[in-house]
Amino acid sequence: MEATAPGSARTGAFDPWSPTFLADPYPAYAALRDAGRVHRFEPTNQYLIPHHADVSALLRDRRLGRTYRHRYAHEDFGRTAPPPEQEPFHTLNDHGMLDLEPPDHTRIRRLVSKAFTPRTVERLRPYVENLAGELVAGLVADGGGDLLTDVAEPLPVAVIAEMLGIPEADRPLLRPWSAAICGMYELNPPEETARAAVRASVEFSDYLRALMAERRVTPGGDLISGLIAAYDEGDRLTEQEMISTCVLLLNAGHEATVNSTVNGWWALFRHPDQLAALRADHSLVPSAVEELMRYDTPLQLFERWVLDDIEVDGTTIPRGSEVALLFGSANHDPAVFTDPARLDLTRAENPHISFSAGLHYCIGAPLARIELAASLRALLTRAPGLRLAAEPVRKPAFVIRGLAGLPVEL
C-alpha cells in the first residue's frame, strides 16, 4: 500500500523542489490523499502522511519523537551522525525544547511556560496593538511599501525580542540569523545552506552568551533574566539549553506570524469578496485569523522519528524511519473541512493544525493569535483601501512557506 518511487502515480505530483508545486502545493496534496494514507518518498527517505486524522494522531503518538537520542545512539537507530562541520548548528538546535523529548522537554517547557501564561500574554496585548498601529501608520504615511518588511516582520520580532530583553539596537541582527538557521529545516538542504546555518548558529550563540553575561550582572524583568535566575537556583537548566531555548523562541516566535501575515493578505487580495466582507465586518477578524492560517499554512511539514514500529493503513513503518506529517495537506482534508479549497472567513468549525498538536503544541500560539489579529485590525482600520501593487514572489522553500515580499499601495 505504498509508493516506491517519486515518479510513480502515487507521489508523482509531490515535488517539493518544483516551482509549480511551490506556487500551489494543494492540488498535489489532494492527489496524495486520494491515493492513500501513507506514501514512501525516496528523495528524502521519508513516509508522507497527508490525512488530517493520521497527522493529528501521530503528533500525539509517543512511539514517535522529535529526537531519538534520548533512547538510541545513531548506530543503534540505523542513522549516521551529522557531519562534524555542522556541529555548531546541531548543538544549538538539538538543545532546544522543540527537538527534545521528556524528561528534558518537560523540564525546559515548564520553565519557559511561565512567560506564556494566559495572564502574561494578555498583558502584552496593548503593546502589540500599539506597535501594530504605529507600523501601519508608517506604511500609510509612505503611501504603501512592502507589507513583509514594513509590518509583518517588525511586529513579532519586536514582541519576542521585548519579552526576552534583546536591546532594540540589536534586533536587526535577529531576522537574518533566523532565516539562515531555518534554511536547515527544508528538505535535503544544500551544503551552502548548511554553511550559512552554521555561521548564524555560532554568531547567534556568541551574542546570547555575551548578553547573558550582562544580564547576570544587571538582571531585569525579561525572560533571559528569568532563565538565568532558574539556572543560578539550580533548576537544572544548562547554559546551552538557555541559549538554544532563546534562539528557538526568537525564531519560532516570529517565523509563523510573519508568513501567516503575508500568506494571508496574498490570499485576501486573490479573494476580493472575502476581503470586502472582512472590511465591512471587523468582528470576523478572529475567525479570519484561523481560516487564513488554515488556507495557506505557514509550516507545511513537521517531521517525526519512528521510535517503535507503527502501522498506518496496513503499512508497517519500522523503527528508525522518519515520517513527514503534511500540515498543509491535513488543513485541506475534505474529511474535516467542507470545501477546503474555498477561503471562508466565516468558517465556524476550523480544527486546523497549523500550531501542531500534542506534546509539541506551539507554546506561543496565544501570542501569535494576538499579533495576527492586531496587524489585521490595524490594516483594516488605518489602510482600508490597501491593494496589491505588484505580483509577489514566493520564497523557493517548501517547509516554511512564505513570500519574499508583498508590495502594496493605498
Protein backbone atom coordinates (compact mmCIF):
# COMPACT_ATOMS: atom_id res chain seq x y z
CA MET A 1 0.00 0.00 0.00
CA GLU A 2 2.90 2.38 -0.52
CA ALA A 3 4.62 4.12 -3.40
CA THR A 4 8.19 3.09 -4.03
CA ALA A 5 9.38 5.85 -6.37
CA PRO A 6 8.87 9.58 -6.52
CA GLY A 7 7.85 9.42 -10.17
CA SER A 8 5.04 6.97 -9.54
CA ALA A 9 1.39 7.89 -9.85
CA ARG A 10 1.22 7.90 -6.06
CA THR A 11 3.80 10.59 -5.33
CA GLY A 12 4.48 11.99 -8.79
CA ALA A 13 2.63 15.25 -8.11
CA PHE A 14 4.53 15.76 -4.85
CA ASP A 15 7.70 17.57 -5.89
CA PRO A 16 8.83 19.97 -3.12
CA TRP A 17 11.57 21.44 -5.31
CA SER A 18 9.35 22.28 -8.28
CA PRO A 19 8.37 25.96 -8.77
CA THR A 20 4.94 24.79 -9.94
CA PHE A 21 4.42 22.77 -6.78
CA LEU A 22 5.74 25.56 -4.55
CA ALA A 23 3.35 28.04 -6.15
CA ASP A 24 0.38 25.85 -5.21
CA PRO A 25 1.01 22.52 -3.46
CA TYR A 26 -2.63 21.88 -2.58
CA PRO A 27 -3.68 20.01 -5.76
CA ALA A 28 -0.73 17.64 -5.25
CA TYR A 29 -1.85 17.08 -1.67
CA ALA A 30 -5.34 16.19 -2.89
CA ALA A 31 -3.80 13.58 -5.19
CA LEU A 32 -1.77 12.16 -2.29
CA ARG A 33 -4.85 11.92 -0.06
CA ASP A 34 -6.83 10.22 -2.82
CA ALA A 35 -4.03 7.74 -3.41
CA GLY A 36 -3.76 6.57 0.21
CA ARG A 37 -2.84 7.35 3.78
CA VAL A 38 0.92 6.74 3.63
CA HIS A 39 3.47 7.08 0.83
CA ARG A 40 7.16 6.28 0.72
CA PHE A 41 9.09 9.23 -0.74
CA GLU A 42 12.57 8.11 -1.74
CA PRO A 43 14.26 11.51 -2.38
CA THR A 44 14.01 12.36 1.32
CA ASN A 45 13.81 8.79 2.67
CA GLN A 46 10.54 9.62 4.45
CA TYR A 47 6.98 8.40 4.75
CA LEU A 48 4.49 11.08 3.73
CA ILE A 49 1.33 11.33 5.85
CA PRO A 50 -1.31 13.52 4.11
CA HIS A 51 -4.60 12.96 6.02
CA HIS A 52 -5.76 15.14 8.91
CA ALA A 53 -6.78 12.23 11.15
CA ASP A 54 -3.41 10.49 10.76
CA VAL A 55 -1.35 13.66 11.14
CA SER A 56 -3.28 14.61 14.27
CA ALA A 57 -2.97 11.13 15.77
CA LEU A 58 0.74 10.78 15.04
CA LEU A 59 1.52 14.17 16.57
CA ARG A 60 0.20 12.71 19.81
CA ASP A 61 1.71 9.22 19.41
CA ARG A 62 4.56 8.70 21.88
CA ARG A 63 6.03 6.00 19.65
CA LEU A 64 7.30 8.92 17.58
CA GLY A 65 9.64 11.67 18.66
CA ARG A 66 11.39 14.82 17.52
CA THR A 67 14.65 13.14 18.51
CA TYR A 68 15.78 9.57 19.11
CA ARG A 69 18.93 10.39 21.04
CA HIS A 70 17.18 10.01 24.41
CA ARG A 71 16.74 6.30 23.59
CA TYR A 72 19.21 5.33 20.89
CA ALA A 73 22.70 6.04 19.66
CA HIS A 74 22.95 6.94 15.98
CA GLU A 75 24.29 3.49 15.11
CA ASP A 76 21.59 1.64 17.07
CA PHE A 77 18.93 3.64 15.23
CA GLY A 78 20.40 2.95 11.82
CA ARG A 79 21.48 6.56 11.33
CA THR A 80 24.81 8.32 10.92
CA ALA A 81 25.94 11.27 12.97
CA PRO A 82 25.77 14.71 11.32
CA PRO A 83 28.97 15.91 9.60
CA PRO A 84 31.43 17.36 12.14
CA GLU A 85 31.48 20.72 10.36
CA GLN A 86 27.76 21.12 11.14
CA GLU A 87 28.28 20.64 14.89
CA PRO A 88 27.52 24.26 15.90
CA PHE A 89 24.10 24.12 14.23
CA HIS A 90 23.17 20.74 15.71
CA THR A 91 24.38 21.67 19.19
CA LEU A 92 22.20 24.76 19.07
CA ASN A 93 19.20 23.03 17.51
CA ASP A 94 19.28 19.81 19.49
CA HIS A 95 19.18 21.51 22.91
CA GLY A 96 16.00 23.48 22.25
CA MET A 97 12.76 22.08 23.60
CA LEU A 98 11.26 21.64 20.12
CA ASP A 99 13.82 18.92 19.41
CA LEU A 100 13.82 17.31 22.83
CA GLU A 101 11.62 14.65 24.37
CA PRO A 102 10.71 14.06 28.02
CA PRO A 103 12.11 14.40 30.57
CA ASP A 104 14.29 17.20 29.15
CA HIS A 105 11.44 18.70 27.12
CA THR A 106 9.15 18.69 30.16
CA ARG A 107 11.73 20.40 32.35
CA ILE A 108 12.52 23.20 29.89
CA ARG A 109 8.93 23.77 28.79
CA ARG A 110 7.85 24.09 32.42
CA LEU A 111 10.33 26.93 32.94
CA VAL A 112 9.53 28.71 29.66
CA SER A 113 5.76 28.34 30.04
CA LYS A 114 5.85 30.80 32.94
CA ALA A 115 6.40 33.55 30.36
CA PHE A 116 3.46 32.36 28.25
CA THR A 117 0.67 32.04 30.78
CA PRO A 118 -2.67 33.49 29.61
CA ARG A 119 -2.29 36.40 32.04
CA THR A 120 1.25 37.21 30.89
CA VAL A 121 0.32 37.03 27.23
CA GLU A 122 -2.79 39.15 27.76
CA ARG A 123 -0.67 41.84 29.39
CA LEU A 124 1.23 42.14 26.11
CA ARG A 125 -1.91 42.93 24.10
CA PRO A 126 -1.73 46.76 24.48
CA TYR A 127 1.95 46.75 23.48
CA VAL A 128 1.24 44.55 20.44
CA GLU A 129 -1.76 46.61 19.32
CA ASN A 130 0.07 49.93 19.75
CA LEU A 131 3.07 48.69 17.81
CA ALA A 132 0.87 47.29 15.03
CA GLY A 133 -0.84 50.67 14.78
CA GLU A 134 2.47 52.52 14.59
CA LEU A 135 3.83 50.22 11.89
CA VAL A 136 0.70 50.51 9.77
CA ALA A 137 0.68 54.29 10.26
CA GLY A 138 4.19 54.38 8.82
CA LEU A 139 3.10 52.29 5.84
CA VAL A 140 0.18 54.64 5.24
CA ALA A 141 2.36 57.75 5.54
CA ASP A 142 4.63 56.35 2.83
CA GLY A 143 1.67 55.61 0.57
CA GLY A 144 2.47 51.90 0.63
CA GLY A 145 5.54 49.70 0.64
CA ASP A 146 6.42 46.09 1.37
CA LEU A 147 3.93 44.59 3.80
CA LEU A 148 6.53 41.95 4.69
CA THR A 149 9.34 44.26 5.80
CA ASP A 150 7.18 47.19 6.95
CA VAL A 151 4.62 45.36 9.11
CA ALA A 152 4.73 41.55 9.06
CA GLU A 153 8.36 41.16 10.18
CA PRO A 154 8.97 44.01 12.65
CA LEU A 155 5.86 43.33 14.75
CA PRO A 156 6.53 39.77 16.01
CA VAL A 157 10.31 40.26 16.05
CA ALA A 158 9.89 43.27 18.34
CA VAL A 159 7.41 41.46 20.59
CA ILE A 160 9.50 38.35 21.21
CA ALA A 161 12.70 40.44 21.49
CA GLU A 162 10.96 42.62 24.07
CA MET A 163 9.93 39.54 26.05
CA LEU A 164 13.46 38.18 26.01
CA GLY A 165 15.13 41.52 26.70
CA ILE A 166 17.04 41.92 23.41
CA PRO A 167 18.15 45.58 23.15
CA GLU A 168 16.35 47.43 20.37
CA ALA A 169 19.60 48.33 18.60
CA ASP A 170 20.46 44.64 18.23
CA ARG A 171 17.12 43.48 16.81
CA PRO A 172 18.05 43.88 13.12
CA LEU A 173 20.52 41.01 13.66
CA LEU A 174 17.78 38.55 14.56
CA ARG A 175 15.89 38.05 11.31
CA PRO A 176 18.99 37.24 9.17
CA TRP A 177 20.24 34.76 11.78
CA SER A 178 16.82 33.17 11.95
CA ALA A 179 16.48 32.90 8.18
CA ALA A 180 19.87 31.21 7.88
CA ILE A 181 19.14 28.72 10.65
CA CYS A 182 15.65 27.92 9.37
CA GLY A 183 17.11 27.05 5.98
CA MET A 184 18.22 23.77 7.55
CA TYR A 185 14.63 22.75 8.15
CA GLU A 186 13.98 22.42 4.42
CA LEU A 187 14.14 19.01 2.76
CA ASN A 188 17.67 17.94 1.80
CA PRO A 189 19.26 21.39 2.32
CA PRO A 190 22.33 22.01 0.13
CA GLU A 191 25.82 22.48 1.53
CA GLU A 192 25.67 26.25 1.05
CA THR A 193 22.58 26.41 3.27
CA ALA A 194 24.32 24.29 5.91
CA ARG A 195 27.35 26.59 5.95
CA ALA A 196 25.15 29.66 6.37
CA ALA A 197 23.25 27.95 9.21
CA VAL A 198 26.50 27.06 10.98
CA ARG A 199 27.77 30.65 10.74
CA ALA A 200 24.47 32.00 12.06
CA SER A 201 24.44 29.44 14.88
CA VAL A 202 27.90 30.48 16.03
CA GLU A 203 27.15 34.21 15.82
CA PHE A 204 23.73 33.92 17.45
CA SER A 205 25.11 31.75 20.28
CA ASP A 206 28.05 34.07 20.90
CA TYR A 207 25.71 37.07 21.00
CA LEU A 208 23.36 35.43 23.52
CA ARG A 209 26.23 34.20 25.66
CA ALA A 210 27.53 37.78 25.94
CA LEU A 211 24.03 39.13 26.62
CA MET A 212 23.51 36.56 29.36
CA ALA A 213 26.76 37.64 30.97
CA GLU A 214 25.41 41.19 31.07
CA ARG A 215 22.07 40.04 32.50
CA ARG A 216 23.85 38.18 35.29
CA VAL A 217 25.34 41.50 36.39
CA THR A 218 22.26 43.63 35.73
CA PRO A 219 19.17 41.41 35.66
CA GLY A 220 15.82 42.75 34.51
CA GLY A 221 12.24 41.56 34.28
CA ASP A 222 12.81 39.82 30.94
CA LEU A 223 12.74 36.12 30.11
CA ILE A 224 16.53 35.82 29.72
CA SER A 225 16.97 37.14 33.25
CA GLY A 226 14.34 34.69 34.43
CA LEU A 227 16.14 31.75 32.82
CA ILE A 228 19.41 32.86 34.37
CA ALA A 229 17.75 33.02 37.79
CA ALA A 230 16.42 29.49 37.33
CA TYR A 231 19.91 28.36 36.29
CA ASP A 232 21.54 30.03 39.30
CA GLU A 233 18.96 28.50 41.62
CA GLY A 234 19.92 25.03 40.37
CA ASP A 235 16.70 24.40 38.46
CA ARG A 236 18.59 22.03 36.13
CA LEU A 237 18.90 24.29 33.10
CA THR A 238 22.28 24.30 31.36
CA GLU A 239 23.75 27.34 29.65
CA GLN A 240 23.44 25.61 26.27
CA GLU A 241 19.77 24.89 26.96
CA MET A 242 19.25 28.57 27.80
CA ILE A 243 20.91 29.67 24.56
CA SER A 244 19.05 27.10 22.46
CA THR A 245 15.75 27.98 24.10
CA CYS A 246 16.21 31.69 23.41
CA VAL A 247 17.07 31.01 19.77
CA LEU A 248 14.05 28.75 19.42
CA LEU A 249 11.74 31.36 20.94
CA LEU A 250 13.15 34.10 18.74
CA ASN A 251 12.89 32.00 15.58
CA ALA A 252 9.59 30.27 16.22
CA GLY A 253 8.25 33.43 17.86
CA HIS A 254 8.12 35.27 14.58
CA GLU A 255 8.50 32.92 11.59
CA ALA A 256 4.93 31.59 11.66
CA THR A 257 3.43 35.03 12.32
CA VAL A 258 5.42 36.70 9.54
CA ASN A 259 4.46 34.10 6.97
CA SER A 260 0.85 33.85 8.12
CA THR A 261 0.52 37.61 7.68
CA VAL A 262 1.83 37.80 4.12
CA ASN A 263 0.30 34.49 3.01
CA GLY A 264 -2.99 35.66 4.49
CA TRP A 265 -3.03 39.05 2.76
CA TRP A 266 -1.98 37.48 -0.53
CA ALA A 267 -4.97 35.15 -0.18
CA LEU A 268 -7.28 38.08 0.64
CA PHE A 269 -6.14 40.02 -2.40
CA ARG A 270 -6.95 36.98 -4.55
CA HIS A 271 -10.41 36.68 -2.94
CA PRO A 272 -11.84 40.20 -3.10
CA ASP A 273 -15.27 39.06 -1.94
CA GLN A 274 -13.78 37.77 1.33
CA LEU A 275 -11.68 40.90 1.77
CA ALA A 276 -14.75 43.06 1.21
CA ALA A 277 -16.70 41.07 3.80
CA LEU A 278 -13.87 41.49 6.31
CA ARG A 279 -13.64 45.21 5.67
CA ALA A 280 -17.38 45.50 6.21
CA ASP A 281 -17.36 43.49 9.43
CA HIS A 282 -14.26 43.60 11.64
CA SER A 283 -15.88 41.14 14.04
CA LEU A 284 -14.77 38.48 11.54
CA VAL A 285 -11.11 39.05 12.49
CA PRO A 286 -10.81 36.12 14.96
CA SER A 287 -12.27 33.57 12.55
CA ALA A 288 -10.33 35.16 9.68
CA VAL A 289 -7.04 34.58 11.53
CA GLU A 290 -7.84 30.88 11.90
CA GLU A 291 -9.01 30.49 8.31
CA LEU A 292 -6.04 32.29 6.80
CA MET A 293 -3.66 30.05 8.78
CA ARG A 294 -5.55 27.01 7.53
CA TYR A 295 -5.91 28.13 3.94
CA ASP A 296 -2.20 28.70 3.25
CA THR A 297 -0.36 27.01 6.08
CA PRO A 298 2.91 28.71 7.14
CA LEU A 299 4.58 25.44 8.24
CA GLN A 300 3.79 22.83 5.62
CA LEU A 301 5.55 19.83 7.13
CA PHE A 302 6.65 18.57 10.53
CA GLU A 303 8.96 15.60 10.93
CA ARG A 304 8.98 12.81 13.48
CA TRP A 305 11.32 9.88 14.09
CA VAL A 306 9.72 6.47 14.49
CA LEU A 307 11.00 5.16 17.84
CA ASP A 308 8.98 1.93 17.73
CA ASP A 309 7.31 0.25 14.77
CA ILE A 310 3.95 1.75 13.85
CA GLU A 311 1.32 0.78 11.30
CA VAL A 312 -0.68 3.15 9.10
CA ASP A 313 -3.39 1.70 6.88
CA GLY A 314 -1.72 -1.70 6.73
CA THR A 315 1.76 -0.30 6.04
CA THR A 316 4.36 -1.00 8.71
CA ILE A 317 6.68 1.95 9.25
CA PRO A 318 9.71 0.49 11.03
CA ARG A 319 11.73 1.91 13.86
CA GLY A 320 14.44 4.22 12.54
CA SER A 321 12.23 5.69 9.84
CA GLU A 322 11.17 9.30 9.54
CA VAL A 323 7.61 10.44 8.85
CA ALA A 324 6.75 13.73 7.19
CA LEU A 325 3.45 14.97 8.60
CA LEU A 326 1.96 17.19 5.91
CA PHE A 327 0.26 20.03 7.78
CA GLY A 328 -0.73 21.81 4.57
CA SER A 329 -2.45 18.70 3.28
CA ALA A 330 -4.14 17.97 6.60
CA ASN A 331 -5.53 21.51 6.65
CA HIS A 332 -7.18 20.87 3.27
CA ASP A 333 -8.60 17.45 4.04
CA PRO A 334 -12.27 17.33 2.89
CA ALA A 335 -12.97 14.71 5.55
CA VAL A 336 -12.59 17.53 8.10
CA PHE A 337 -13.13 20.79 6.21
CA THR A 338 -16.14 21.41 3.99
CA ASP A 339 -14.99 22.67 0.58
CA PRO A 340 -11.40 23.06 1.81
CA ALA A 341 -10.14 24.82 -1.33
CA ARG A 342 -12.54 27.71 -0.63
CA LEU A 343 -11.40 30.62 1.53
CA ASP A 344 -14.23 31.16 4.00
CA LEU A 345 -13.57 33.73 6.73
CA THR A 346 -16.81 32.73 8.47
CA ARG A 347 -15.79 29.08 8.80
CA ALA A 348 -17.06 28.09 12.23
CA GLU A 349 -15.51 24.63 12.64
CA ASN A 350 -11.82 25.04 11.95
CA PRO A 351 -9.64 22.42 13.70
CA HIS A 352 -6.52 23.28 11.69
CA ILE A 353 -3.20 22.01 12.98
CA SER A 354 -1.03 24.97 11.97
CA PHE A 355 0.19 25.20 15.58
CA SER A 356 0.88 21.44 15.73
CA ALA A 357 -0.65 19.28 18.46
CA GLY A 358 0.25 17.11 21.41
CA LEU A 359 3.47 17.45 23.38
CA HIS A 360 5.00 19.97 20.97
CA TYR A 361 1.95 22.18 20.51
CA CYS A 362 3.18 25.72 19.92
CA ILE A 363 3.71 27.38 23.29
CA GLY A 364 3.38 30.80 21.67
CA ALA A 365 0.08 30.15 19.85
CA PRO A 366 -1.97 32.57 22.03
CA LEU A 367 0.59 35.34 21.45
CA ALA A 368 0.70 34.63 17.70
CA ARG A 369 -3.08 34.96 17.53
CA ILE A 370 -2.92 38.34 19.28
CA GLU A 371 -0.23 39.53 16.86
CA LEU A 372 -2.08 38.33 13.77
CA ALA A 373 -5.35 39.89 14.89
CA ALA A 374 -3.63 43.17 15.84
CA SER A 375 -1.94 43.65 12.47
CA LEU A 376 -5.09 42.61 10.61
CA ARG A 377 -7.25 45.09 12.52
CA ALA A 378 -4.70 47.89 12.16
CA LEU A 379 -4.53 47.40 8.40
CA LEU A 380 -8.31 47.18 8.04
CA THR A 381 -8.80 50.33 10.11
CA ARG A 382 -5.91 52.55 9.03
CA ALA A 383 -5.45 51.32 5.44
CA PRO A 384 -8.98 50.43 4.27
CA GLY A 385 -8.02 50.88 0.63
CA LEU A 386 -4.92 48.68 0.77
CA ARG A 387 -4.33 46.93 -2.55
CA LEU A 388 -1.68 44.84 -4.25
CA ALA A 389 0.95 46.92 -6.07
CA ALA A 390 2.67 44.07 -7.92
CA GLU A 391 2.63 40.29 -8.09
CA PRO A 392 4.61 38.92 -5.13
CA VAL A 393 7.45 36.43 -5.44
CA ARG A 394 7.22 33.27 -3.39
CA LYS A 395 10.28 32.12 -1.48
CA PRO A 396 11.82 28.99 -3.06
CA ALA A 397 11.16 26.96 0.08
CA PHE A 398 8.64 24.28 0.90
CA VAL A 399 8.64 23.53 4.63
CA ILE A 400 8.42 27.16 5.78
CA ARG A 401 6.00 28.68 3.29
CA GLY A 402 6.14 32.40 2.70
CA LEU A 403 6.72 35.26 0.30
CA ALA A 404 9.91 37.16 -0.49
CA GLY A 405 7.86 40.36 -0.27
CA LEU A 406 4.32 41.69 -0.67
CA PRO A 407 4.26 45.12 -2.39
CA VAL A 408 1.16 47.13 -1.52
CA GLU A 409 -0.21 50.62 -2.15
CA LEU A 410 -3.10 52.75 -0.93
